[in-house]
Amino acid sequence: MAHEQHQQLIQTLHECVGACNHCYDACLKEEDVNMMAECIRLDRECADICAFLEQALMRGTPFASDLAAVCAKICEACGNECQKHDHEHCQKCAEACFKCAEACKEIA
């Protein structure tokens, strides 16, 4: 199967989607939601591109390196934003995003 060569990246992308979705949901429940607006926006952006790349890799996309480059950029932006917040969900999300960004750069 075409996706076997990217199995580790597919798993990392899946974990990043989960972390971003959890962070998104938790940020919406924070007392000062307005302060979390950029974090929430980037959580959605990151989860969406990671989920898309995960599916594309499983299909054997010929655009893997191009998509991975965009994904890495968005993951870094999300990680940088989440890192600014002390909430545990934000810190865990930042960690997942940075891990994913590095994995994406390997095939970009």
PDB file of N, CA and C in Angstrom:
ATOM      1  N   MET A   1       0.833  -1.190   0.000  1.00  0.00           N
ATOM      2  CA  MET A   1       0.000   0.000   0.000  1.00  0.00           C
ATOM      3  C   MET A   1       0.874   1.249   0.000  1.00  0.00           C
ATOM      4  N   ALA A   2       0.388   2.279  -0.629  1.00  0.00           N
ATOM      5  CA  ALA A   2       1.150   3.514  -0.797  1.00  0.00           C
ATOM      6  C   ALA A   2       1.427   4.220   0.520  1.00  0.00           C
ATOM      7  N   HIS A   3       0.520   4.110   1.481  1.00  0.00           N
ATOM      8  CA  HIS A   3       0.675   4.866   2.718  1.00  0.00           C
ATOM      9  C   HIS A   3       1.629   4.238   3.727  1.00  0.00           C
ATOM     10  N   GLU A   4       2.081   3.009   3.483  1.00  0.00           N
ATOM     11  CA  GLU A   4       2.940   2.328   4.448  1.00  0.00           C
ATOM     12  C   GLU A   4       4.237   3.086   4.723  1.00  0.00           C
ATOM     13  N   GLN A   5       4.784   3.751   3.710  1.00  0.00           N
ATOM     14  CA  GLN A   5       6.037   4.490   3.893  1.00  0.00           C
ATOM     15  C   GLN A   5       5.859   5.706   4.799  1.00  0.00           C
ATOM     16  N   HIS A   6       4.636   6.154   4.981  1.00  0.00           N
ATOM     17  CA  HIS A   6       4.359   7.330   5.808  1.00  0.00           C
ATOM     18  C   HIS A   6       3.600   6.979   7.083  1.00  0.00           C
ATOM     19  N   GLN A   7       3.647   5.714   7.494  1.00  0.00           N
ATOM     20  CA  GLN A   7       2.834   5.264   8.621  1.00  0.00           C
ATOM     21  C   GLN A   7       3.099   6.065   9.896  1.00  0.00           C
ATOM     22  N   GLN A   8       4.368   6.351  10.197  1.00  0.00           N
ATOM     23  CA  GLN A   8       4.687   7.100  11.417  1.00  0.00           C
ATOM     24  C   GLN A   8       4.140   8.522  11.336  1.00  0.00           C
ATOM     25  N   LEU A   9       4.275   9.156  10.188  1.00  0.00           N
ATOM     26  CA  LEU A   9       3.746  10.512  10.019  1.00  0.00           C
ATOM     27  C   LEU A   9       2.223  10.501  10.147  1.00  0.00           C
ATOM     28  N   ILE A  10       1.575   9.510   9.577  1.00  0.00           N
ATOM     29  CA  ILE A  10       0.112   9.402   9.667  1.00  0.00           C
ATOM     30  C   ILE A  10      -0.311   9.335  11.136  1.00  0.00           C
ATOM     31  N   GLN A  11       0.409   8.566  11.936  1.00  0.00           N
ATOM     32  CA  GLN A  11       0.102   8.456  13.371  1.00  0.00           C
ATOM     33  C   GLN A  11       0.335   9.795  14.076  1.00  0.00           C
ATOM     34  N   THR A  12       1.422  10.483  13.746  1.00  0.00           N
ATOM     35  CA  THR A  12       1.737  11.778  14.356  1.00  0.00           C
ATOM     36  C   THR A  12       0.683  12.811  13.984  1.00  0.00           C
ATOM     37  N   LEU A  13       0.253  12.805  12.745  1.00  0.00           N
ATOM     38  CA  LEU A  13      -0.809  13.718  12.298  1.00  0.00           C
ATOM     39  C   LEU A  13      -2.100  13.443  13.070  1.00  0.00           C
ATOM     40  N   HIS A  14      -2.427  12.178  13.226  1.00  0.00           N
ATOM     41  CA  HIS A  14      -3.643  11.786  13.938  1.00  0.00           C
ATOM     42  C   HIS A  14      -3.601  12.279  15.388  1.00  0.00           C
ATOM     43  N   GLU A  15      -2.456  12.131  16.025  1.00  0.00           N
ATOM     44  CA  GLU A  15      -2.294  12.595  17.406  1.00  0.00           C
ATOM     45  C   GLU A  15      -2.406  14.119  17.487  1.00  0.00           C
ATOM     46  N   CYS A  16      -1.889  14.819  16.506  1.00  0.00           N
ATOM     47  CA  CYS A  16      -1.961  16.278  16.485  1.00  0.00           C
ATOM     48  C   CYS A  16      -3.414  16.737  16.316  1.00  0.00           C
ATOM     49  N   VAL A  17      -4.154  16.070  15.460  1.00  0.00           N
ATOM     50  CA  VAL A  17      -5.580  16.386  15.290  1.00  0.00           C
ATOM     51  C   VAL A  17      -6.290  16.254  16.638  1.00  0.00           C
ATOM     52  N   GLY A  18      -6.035  15.166  17.341  1.00  0.00           N
ATOM     53  CA  GLY A  18      -6.658  14.942  18.639  1.00  0.00           C
ATOM     54  C   GLY A  18      -6.299  16.026  19.647  1.00  0.00           C
ATOM     55  N   ALA A  19      -5.022  16.396  19.696  1.00  0.00           N
ATOM     56  CA  ALA A  19      -4.572  17.430  20.638  1.00  0.00           C
ATOM     57  C   ALA A  19      -5.188  18.782  20.303  1.00  0.00           C
ATOM     58  N   CYS A  20      -5.250  19.112  19.026  1.00  0.00           N
ATOM     59  CA  CYS A  20      -5.832  20.392  18.600  1.00  0.00           C
ATOM     60  C   CYS A  20      -7.332  20.433  18.874  1.00  0.00           C
ATOM     61  N   ASN A  21      -8.018  19.341  18.625  1.00  0.00           N
ATOM     62  CA  ASN A  21      -9.456  19.300  18.890  1.00  0.00           C
ATOM     63  C   ASN A  21      -9.737  19.423  20.386  1.00  0.00           C
ATOM     64  N   HIS A  22      -8.920  18.769  21.206  1.00  0.00           N
ATOM     65  CA  HIS A  22      -9.090  18.870  22.651  1.00  0.00           C
ATOM     66  C   HIS A  22      -8.817  20.300  23.122  1.00  0.00           C
ATOM     67  N   CYS A  23      -7.753  20.900  22.614  1.00  0.00           N
ATOM     68  CA  CYS A  23      -7.395  22.262  22.995  1.00  0.00           C
ATOM     69  C   CYS A  23      -8.493  23.236  22.575  1.00  0.00           C
ATOM     70  N   TYR A  24      -8.979  23.077  21.368  1.00  0.00           N
ATOM     71  CA  TYR A  24     -10.065  23.913  20.843  1.00  0.00           C
ATOM     72  C   TYR A  24     -11.270  23.877  21.785  1.00  0.00           C
ATOM     73  N   ASP A  25     -11.689  22.676  22.134  1.00  0.00           N
ATOM     74  CA  ASP A  25     -12.849  22.504  22.997  1.00  0.00           C
ATOM     75  C   ASP A  25     -12.594  23.095  24.391  1.00  0.00           C
ATOM     76  N   ALA A  26     -11.420  22.846  24.941  1.00  0.00           N
ATOM     77  CA  ALA A  26     -11.083  23.356  26.273  1.00  0.00           C
ATOM     78  C   ALA A  26     -10.967  24.880  26.266  1.00  0.00           C
ATOM     79  N   CYS A  27     -10.410  25.452  25.211  1.00  0.00           N
ATOM     80  CA  CYS A  27     -10.281  26.913  25.114  1.00  0.00           C
ATOM     81  C   CYS A  27     -11.651  27.589  25.096  1.00  0.00           C
ATOM     82  N   LEU A  28     -12.608  26.955  24.450  1.00  0.00           N
ATOM     83  CA  LEU A  28     -13.957  27.515  24.399  1.00  0.00           C
ATOM     84  C   LEU A  28     -14.603  27.579  25.786  1.00  0.00           C
ATOM     85  N   LYS A  29     -14.095  26.781  26.717  1.00  0.00           N
ATOM     86  CA  LYS A  29     -14.653  26.738  28.069  1.00  0.00           C
ATOM     87  C   LYS A  29     -13.866  27.611  29.048  1.00  0.00           C
ATOM     88  N   GLU A  30     -12.804  28.249  28.567  1.00  0.00           N
ATOM     89  CA  GLU A  30     -12.003  29.112  29.441  1.00  0.00           C
ATOM     90  C   GLU A  30     -12.793  30.363  29.802  1.00  0.00           C
ATOM     91  N   GLU A  31     -12.455  30.934  30.956  1.00  0.00           N
ATOM     92  CA  GLU A  31     -13.160  32.111  31.450  1.00  0.00           C
ATOM     93  C   GLU A  31     -13.073  33.287  30.470  1.00  0.00           C
ATOM     94  N   ASP A  32     -11.874  33.554  29.969  1.00  0.00           N
ATOM     95  CA  ASP A  32     -11.678  34.666  29.031  1.00  0.00           C
ATOM     96  C   ASP A  32     -11.499  34.114  27.615  1.00  0.00           C
ATOM     97  N   VAL A  33     -12.616  33.774  26.993  1.00  0.00           N
ATOM     98  CA  VAL A  33     -12.581  33.170  25.651  1.00  0.00           C
ATOM     99  C   VAL A  33     -11.965  34.129  24.635  1.00  0.00           C
ATOM    100  N   ASN A  34     -12.203  35.424  24.794  1.00  0.00           N
ATOM    101  CA  ASN A  34     -11.635  36.399  23.847  1.00  0.00           C
ATOM    102  C   ASN A  34     -10.118  36.335  23.821  1.00  0.00           C
ATOM    103  N   MET A  35      -9.503  36.109  24.983  1.00  0.00           N
ATOM    104  CA  MET A  35      -8.052  36.005  25.050  1.00  0.00           C
ATOM    105  C   MET A  35      -7.566  34.758  24.301  1.00  0.00           C
ATOM    106  N   MET A  36      -8.427  33.761  24.184  1.00  0.00           N
ATOM    107  CA  MET A  36      -8.066  32.491  23.551  1.00  0.00           C
ATOM    108  C   MET A  36      -8.432  32.444  22.062  1.00  0.00           C
ATOM    109  N   ALA A  37      -8.938  33.528  21.517  1.00  0.00           N
ATOM    110  CA  ALA A  37      -9.464  33.532  20.143  1.00  0.00           C
ATOM    111  C   ALA A  37      -8.450  33.043  19.110  1.00  0.00           C
ATOM    112  N   GLU A  38      -7.224  33.534  19.169  1.00  0.00           N
ATOM    113  CA  GLU A  38      -6.215  33.129  18.178  1.00  0.00           C
ATOM    114  C   GLU A  38      -5.835  31.657  18.366  1.00  0.00           C
ATOM    115  N   CYS A  39      -5.788  31.218  19.604  1.00  0.00           N
ATOM    116  CA  CYS A  39      -5.489  29.816  19.889  1.00  0.00           C
ATOM    117  C   CYS A  39      -6.590  28.922  19.305  1.00  0.00           C
ATOM    118  N   ILE A  40      -7.820  29.315  19.533  1.00  0.00           N
ATOM    119  CA  ILE A  40      -8.963  28.560  19.013  1.00  0.00           C
ATOM    120  C   ILE A  40      -8.926  28.507  17.484  1.00  0.00           C
ATOM    121  N   ARG A  41      -8.672  29.646  16.858  1.00  0.00           N
ATOM    122  CA  ARG A  41      -8.620  29.711  15.394  1.00  0.00           C
ATOM    123  C   ARG A  41      -7.529  28.793  14.844  1.00  0.00           C
ATOM    124  N   LEU A  42      -6.339  28.875  15.443  1.00  0.00           N
ATOM    125  CA  LEU A  42      -5.226  28.059  14.956  1.00  0.00           C
ATOM    126  C   LEU A  42      -5.425  26.579  15.269  1.00  0.00           C
ATOM    127  N   ASP A  43      -6.087  26.271  16.383  1.00  0.00           N
ATOM    128  CA  ASP A  43      -6.414  24.863  16.662  1.00  0.00           C
ATOM    129  C   ASP A  43      -7.243  24.274  15.518  1.00  0.00           C
ATOM    130  N   ARG A  44      -8.237  25.023  15.059  1.00  0.00           N
ATOM    131  CA  ARG A  44      -9.092  24.551  13.964  1.00  0.00           C
ATOM    132  C   ARG A  44      -8.286  24.406  12.681  1.00  0.00           C
ATOM    133  N   GLU A  45      -7.505  25.430  12.385  1.00  0.00           N
ATOM    134  CA  GLU A  45      -6.692  25.432  11.166  1.00  0.00           C
ATOM    135  C   GLU A  45      -5.748  24.224  11.147  1.00  0.00           C
ATOM    136  N   CYS A  46      -5.099  24.007  12.277  1.00  0.00           N
ATOM    137  CA  CYS A  46      -4.122  22.926  12.379  1.00  0.00           C
ATOM    138  C   CYS A  46      -4.801  21.558  12.296  1.00  0.00           C
ATOM    139  N   ALA A  47      -5.881  21.379  13.039  1.00  0.00           N
ATOM    140  CA  ALA A  47      -6.594  20.093  13.000  1.00  0.00           C
ATOM    141  C   ALA A  47      -7.067  19.784  11.581  1.00  0.00           C
ATOM    142  N   ASP A  48      -7.557  20.800  10.895  1.00  0.00           N
ATOM    143  CA  ASP A  48      -8.069  20.593   9.540  1.00  0.00           C
ATOM    144  C   ASP A  48      -6.966  20.174   8.568  1.00  0.00           C
ATOM    145  N   ILE A  49      -5.815  20.873   8.591  1.00  0.00           N
ATOM    146  CA  ILE A  49      -4.751  20.542   7.633  1.00  0.00           C
ATOM    147  C   ILE A  49      -4.124  19.188   7.983  1.00  0.00           C
ATOM    148  N   CYS A  50      -3.999  18.887   9.276  1.00  0.00           N
ATOM    149  CA  CYS A  50      -3.436  17.593   9.665  1.00  0.00           C
ATOM    150  C   CYS A  50      -4.356  16.447   9.242  1.00  0.00           C
ATOM    151  N   ALA A  51      -5.655  16.628   9.435  1.00  0.00           N
ATOM    152  CA  ALA A  51      -6.612  15.592   9.029  1.00  0.00           C
ATOM    153  C   ALA A  51      -6.594  15.418   7.515  1.00  0.00           C
ATOM    154  N   PHE A  52      -6.489  16.535   6.796  1.00  0.00           N
ATOM    155  CA  PHE A  52      -6.449  16.453   5.342  1.00  0.00           C
ATOM    156  C   PHE A  52      -5.186  15.720   4.878  1.00  0.00           C
ATOM    157  N   LEU A  53      -4.027  16.088   5.446  1.00  0.00           N
ATOM    158  CA  LEU A  53      -2.778  15.439   5.049  1.00  0.00           C
ATOM    159  C   LEU A  53      -2.804  13.956   5.419  1.00  0.00           C
ATOM    160  N   GLU A  54      -3.347  13.631   6.573  1.00  0.00           N
ATOM    161  CA  GLU A  54      -3.461  12.221   6.974  1.00  0.00           C
ATOM    162  C   GLU A  54      -4.238  11.429   5.919  1.00  0.00           C
ATOM    163  N   GLN A  55      -5.378  11.949   5.510  1.00  0.00           N
ATOM    164  CA  GLN A  55      -6.191  11.272   4.496  1.00  0.00           C
ATOM    165  C   GLN A  55      -5.473  11.211   3.146  1.00  0.00           C
ATOM    166  N   ALA A  56      -4.832  12.311   2.773  1.00  0.00           N
ATOM    167  CA  ALA A  56      -4.128  12.361   1.490  1.00  0.00           C
ATOM    168  C   ALA A  56      -2.993  11.339   1.444  1.00  0.00           C
ATOM    169  N   LEU A  57      -2.257  11.205   2.532  1.00  0.00           N
ATOM    170  CA  LEU A  57      -1.169  10.223   2.584  1.00  0.00           C
ATOM    171  C   LEU A  57      -1.712   8.806   2.489  1.00  0.00           C
ATOM    172  N   MET A  58      -2.844   8.567   3.114  1.00  0.00           N
ATOM    173  CA  MET A  58      -3.452   7.235   3.053  1.00  0.00           C
ATOM    174  C   MET A  58      -3.926   6.903   1.638  1.00  0.00           C
ATOM    175  N   ARG A  59      -4.226   7.943   0.866  1.00  0.00           N
ATOM    176  CA  ARG A  59      -4.630   7.744  -0.537  1.00  0.00           C
ATOM    177  C   ARG A  59      -3.424   7.644  -1.461  1.00  0.00           C
ATOM    178  N   GLY A  60      -2.243   7.945  -0.955  1.00  0.00           N
ATOM    179  CA  GLY A  60      -1.051   7.911  -1.785  1.00  0.00           C
ATOM    180  C   GLY A  60      -0.899   9.156  -2.647  1.00  0.00           C
ATOM    181  N   THR A  61      -1.243  10.310  -2.098  1.00  0.00           N
ATOM    182  CA  THR A  61      -1.180  11.568  -2.842  1.00  0.00           C
ATOM    183  C   THR A  61       0.195  11.835  -3.453  1.00  0.00           C
ATOM    184  N   PRO A  62       0.223  12.356  -4.669  1.00  0.00           N
ATOM    185  CA  PRO A  62       1.505  12.753  -5.269  1.00  0.00           C
ATOM    186  C   PRO A  62       1.967  14.126  -4.756  1.00  0.00           C
ATOM    187  N   PHE A  63       1.151  14.768  -3.920  1.00  0.00           N
ATOM    188  CA  PHE A  63       1.465  16.110  -3.412  1.00  0.00           C
ATOM    189  C   PHE A  63       1.944  16.073  -1.958  1.00  0.00           C
ATOM    190  N   ALA A  64       2.419  14.923  -1.496  1.00  0.00           N
ATOM    191  CA  ALA A  64       2.798  14.748  -0.092  1.00  0.00           C
ATOM    192  C   ALA A  64       3.772  15.813   0.389  1.00  0.00           C
ATOM    193  N   SER A  65       4.822  16.063  -0.358  1.00  0.00           N
ATOM    194  CA  SER A  65       5.828  17.020   0.122  1.00  0.00           C
ATOM    195  C   SER A  65       5.285  18.447   0.159  1.00  0.00           C
ATOM    196  N   ASP A  66       4.482  18.822  -0.826  1.00  0.00           N
ATOM    197  CA  ASP A  66       3.900  20.169  -0.841  1.00  0.00           C
ATOM    198  C   ASP A  66       2.926  20.360   0.317  1.00  0.00           C
ATOM    199  N   LEU A  67       2.063  19.393   0.524  1.00  0.00           N
ATOM    200  CA  LEU A  67       1.088  19.468   1.612  1.00  0.00           C
ATOM    201  C   LEU A  67       1.785  19.438   2.972  1.00  0.00           C
ATOM    202  N   ALA A  68       2.826  18.636   3.083  1.00  0.00           N
ATOM    203  CA  ALA A  68       3.564  18.536   4.346  1.00  0.00           C
ATOM    204  C   ALA A  68       4.246  19.858   4.690  1.00  0.00           C
ATOM    205  N   ALA A  69       4.726  20.578   3.684  1.00  0.00           N
ATOM    206  CA  ALA A  69       5.358  21.878   3.931  1.00  0.00           C
ATOM    207  C   ALA A  69       4.346  22.870   4.510  1.00  0.00           C
ATOM    208  N   VAL A  70       3.145  22.902   3.940  1.00  0.00           N
ATOM    209  CA  VAL A  70       2.079  23.783   4.443  1.00  0.00           C
ATOM    210  C   VAL A  70       1.668  23.335   5.843  1.00  0.00           C
ATOM    211  N   CYS A  71       1.529  22.045   6.041  1.00  0.00           N
ATOM    212  CA  CYS A  71       1.127  21.510   7.335  1.00  0.00           C
ATOM    213  C   CYS A  71       2.154  21.887   8.405  1.00  0.00           C
ATOM    214  N   ALA A  72       3.422  21.763   8.098  1.00  0.00           N
ATOM    215  CA  ALA A  72       4.477  22.111   9.056  1.00  0.00           C
ATOM    216  C   ALA A  72       4.375  23.575   9.469  1.00  0.00           C
ATOM    217  N   LYS A  73       4.118  24.427   8.512  1.00  0.00           N
ATOM    218  CA  LYS A  73       4.007  25.872   8.787  1.00  0.00           C
ATOM    219  C   LYS A  73       2.828  26.156   9.727  1.00  0.00           C
ATOM    220  N   ILE A  74       1.697  25.527   9.462  1.00  0.00           N
ATOM    221  CA  ILE A  74       0.504  25.742  10.289  1.00  0.00           C
ATOM    222  C   ILE A  74       0.701  25.122  11.675  1.00  0.00           C
ATOM    223  N   CYS A  75       1.305  23.947  11.742  1.00  0.00           N
ATOM    224  CA  CYS A  75       1.571  23.308  13.033  1.00  0.00           C
ATOM    225  C   CYS A  75       2.482  24.189  13.893  1.00  0.00           C
ATOM    226  N   GLU A  76       3.498  24.772  13.290  1.00  0.00           N
ATOM    227  CA  GLU A  76       4.401  25.654  14.037  1.00  0.00           C
ATOM    228  C   GLU A  76       3.657  26.883  14.546  1.00  0.00           C
ATOM    229  N   ALA A  77       2.809  27.463  13.709  1.00  0.00           N
ATOM    230  CA  ALA A  77       2.042  28.642  14.125  1.00  0.00           C
ATOM    231  C   ALA A  77       1.123  28.295  15.299  1.00  0.00           C
ATOM    232  N   CYS A  78       0.463  27.156  15.225  1.00  0.00           N
ATOM    233  CA  CYS A  78      -0.427  26.717  16.296  1.00  0.00           C
ATOM    234  C   CYS A  78       0.378  26.436  17.566  1.00  0.00           C
ATOM    235  N   GLY A  79       1.485  25.751  17.425  1.00  0.00           N
ATOM    236  CA  GLY A  79       2.336  25.455  18.577  1.00  0.00           C
ATOM    237  C   GLY A  79       2.848  26.716  19.251  1.00  0.00           C
ATOM    238  N   ASN A  80       3.262  27.682  18.438  1.00  0.00           N
ATOM    239  CA  ASN A  80       3.757  28.948  18.990  1.00  0.00           C
ATOM    240  C   ASN A  80       2.673  29.688  19.758  1.00  0.00           C
ATOM    241  N   GLU A  81       1.457  29.666  19.234  1.00  0.00           N
ATOM    242  CA  GLU A  81       0.348  30.333  19.924  1.00  0.00           C
ATOM    243  C   GLU A  81      -0.017  29.588  21.203  1.00  0.00           C
ATOM    244  N   CYS A  82      -0.154  28.285  21.126  1.00  0.00           N
ATOM    245  CA  CYS A  82      -0.526  27.501  22.306  1.00  0.00           C
ATOM    246  C   CYS A  82       0.522  27.636  23.412  1.00  0.00           C
ATOM    247  N   GLN A  83       1.766  27.724  23.032  1.00  0.00           N
ATOM    248  CA  GLN A  83       2.860  27.823  23.988  1.00  0.00           C
ATOM    249  C   GLN A  83       2.756  29.089  24.854  1.00  0.00           C
ATOM    250  N   LYS A  84       2.062  30.107  24.356  1.00  0.00           N
ATOM    251  CA  LYS A  84       1.899  31.368  25.089  1.00  0.00           C
ATOM    252  C   LYS A  84       0.961  31.232  26.290  1.00  0.00           C
ATOM    253  N   HIS A  85       0.157  30.181  26.312  1.00  0.00           N
ATOM    254  CA  HIS A  85      -0.864  30.005  27.346  1.00  0.00           C
ATOM    255  C   HIS A  85      -0.433  28.932  28.344  1.00  0.00           C
ATOM    256  N   ASP A  86      -0.703  29.187  29.619  1.00  0.00           N
ATOM    257  CA  ASP A  86      -0.277  28.273  30.682  1.00  0.00           C
ATOM    258  C   ASP A  86      -1.174  27.055  30.860  1.00  0.00           C
ATOM    259  N   HIS A  87      -2.332  27.049  30.227  1.00  0.00           N
ATOM    260  CA  HIS A  87      -3.257  25.930  30.386  1.00  0.00           C
ATOM    261  C   HIS A  87      -2.590  24.624  29.942  1.00  0.00           C
ATOM    262  N   GLU A  88      -2.859  23.565  30.687  1.00  0.00           N
ATOM    263  CA  GLU A  88      -2.250  22.270  30.370  1.00  0.00           C
ATOM    264  C   GLU A  88      -2.619  21.811  28.956  1.00  0.00           C
ATOM    265  N   HIS A  89      -3.880  22.027  28.565  1.00  0.00           N
ATOM    266  CA  HIS A  89      -4.301  21.597  27.226  1.00  0.00           C
ATOM    267  C   HIS A  89      -3.536  22.350  26.143  1.00  0.00           C
ATOM    268  N   CYS A  90      -3.229  23.597  26.375  1.00  0.00           N
ATOM    269  CA  CYS A  90      -2.458  24.383  25.392  1.00  0.00           C
ATOM    270  C   CYS A  90      -1.010  23.882  25.319  1.00  0.00           C
ATOM    271  N   GLN A  91      -0.418  23.584  26.471  1.00  0.00           N
ATOM    272  CA  GLN A  91       0.963  23.096  26.494  1.00  0.00           C
ATOM    273  C   GLN A  91       1.084  21.733  25.804  1.00  0.00           C
ATOM    274  N   LYS A  92       0.116  20.863  26.048  1.00  0.00           N
ATOM    275  CA  LYS A  92       0.126  19.544  25.393  1.00  0.00           C
ATOM    276  C   LYS A  92      -0.096  19.693  23.889  1.00  0.00           C
ATOM    277  N   CYS A  93      -0.949  20.617  23.501  1.00  0.00           N
ATOM    278  CA  CYS A  93      -1.205  20.858  22.088  1.00  0.00           C
ATOM    279  C   CYS A  93       0.057  21.396  21.413  1.00  0.00           C
ATOM    280  N   ALA A  94       0.727  22.330  22.068  1.00  0.00           N
ATOM    281  CA  ALA A  94       1.966  22.882  21.506  1.00  0.00           C
ATOM    282  C   ALA A  94       2.985  21.774  21.266  1.00  0.00           C
ATOM    283  N   GLU A  95       3.110  20.881  22.225  1.00  0.00           N
ATOM    284  CA  GLU A  95       4.045  19.764  22.102  1.00  0.00           C
ATOM    285  C   GLU A  95       3.694  18.885  20.892  1.00  0.00           C
ATOM    286  N   ALA A  96       2.416  18.557  20.749  1.00  0.00           N
ATOM    287  CA  ALA A  96       1.972  17.731  19.616  1.00  0.00           C
ATOM    288  C   ALA A  96       2.194  18.452  18.291  1.00  0.00           C
ATOM    289  N   CYS A  97       1.935  19.751  18.274  1.00  0.00           N
ATOM    290  CA  CYS A  97       2.108  20.540  17.044  1.00  0.00           C
ATOM    291  C   CYS A  97       3.567  20.600  16.614  1.00  0.00           C
ATOM    292  N   PHE A  98       4.459  20.834  17.559  1.00  0.00           N
ATOM    293  CA  PHE A  98       5.888  20.904  17.222  1.00  0.00           C
ATOM    294  C   PHE A  98       6.415  19.550  16.749  1.00  0.00           C
ATOM    295  N   LYS A  99       5.952  18.480  17.381  1.00  0.00           N
ATOM    296  CA  LYS A  99       6.338  17.126  16.951  1.00  0.00           C
ATOM    297  C   LYS A  99       5.860  16.880  15.520  1.00  0.00           C
ATOM    298  N   CYS A 100       4.634  17.282  15.246  1.00  0.00           N
ATOM    299  CA  CYS A 100       4.052  17.088  13.924  1.00  0.00           C
ATOM    300  C   CYS A 100       4.772  17.942  12.876  1.00  0.00           C
ATOM    301  N   ALA A 101       5.094  19.176  13.243  1.00  0.00           N
ATOM    302  CA  ALA A 101       5.802  20.055  12.317  1.00  0.00           C
ATOM    303  C   ALA A 101       7.140  19.437  11.902  1.00  0.00           C
ATOM    304  N   GLU A 102       7.858  18.892  12.868  1.00  0.00           N
ATOM    305  CA  GLU A 102       9.158  18.267  12.568  1.00  0.00           C
ATOM    306  C   GLU A 102       8.984  17.045  11.669  1.00  0.00           C
ATOM    307  N   ALA A 103       7.959  16.236  11.945  1.00  0.00           N
ATOM    308  CA  ALA A 103       7.712  15.046  11.120  1.00  0.00           C
ATOM    309  C   ALA A 103       7.341  15.447   9.698  1.00  0.00           C
ATOM    310  N   CYS A 104       6.561  16.516   9.553  1.00  0.00           N
ATOM    311  CA  CYS A 104       6.181  16.988   8.226  1.00  0.00           C
ATOM    312  C   CYS A 104       7.385  17.524   7.442  1.00  0.00           C
ATOM    313  N   LYS A 105       8.276  18.202   8.143  1.00  0.00           N
ATOM    314  CA  LYS A 105       9.468  18.755   7.491  1.00  0.00           C
ATOM    315  C   LYS A 105      10.348  17.658   6.895  1.00  0.00           C
ATOM    316  N   GLU A 106      10.295  16.483   7.490  1.00  0.00           N
ATOM    317  CA  GLU A 106      11.113  15.364   6.995  1.00  0.00           C
ATOM    318  C   GLU A 106      10.707  14.915   5.597  1.00  0.00           C
ATOM    319  N   ILE A 107       9.441  15.122   5.227  1.00  0.00           N
ATOM    320  CA  ILE A 107       9.033  14.726   3.873  1.00  0.00           C
ATOM    321  C   ILE A 107       8.768  15.923   2.966  1.00  0.00           C
ATOM    322  N   ALA A 108       8.822  17.125   3.551  1.00  0.00           N
ATOM    323  CA  ALA A 108       8.554  18.348   2.769  1.00  0.00           C
ATOM    324  C   ALA A 108       9.696  18.651   1.801  1.00  0.00           C
TER     325      ALA A 108
END
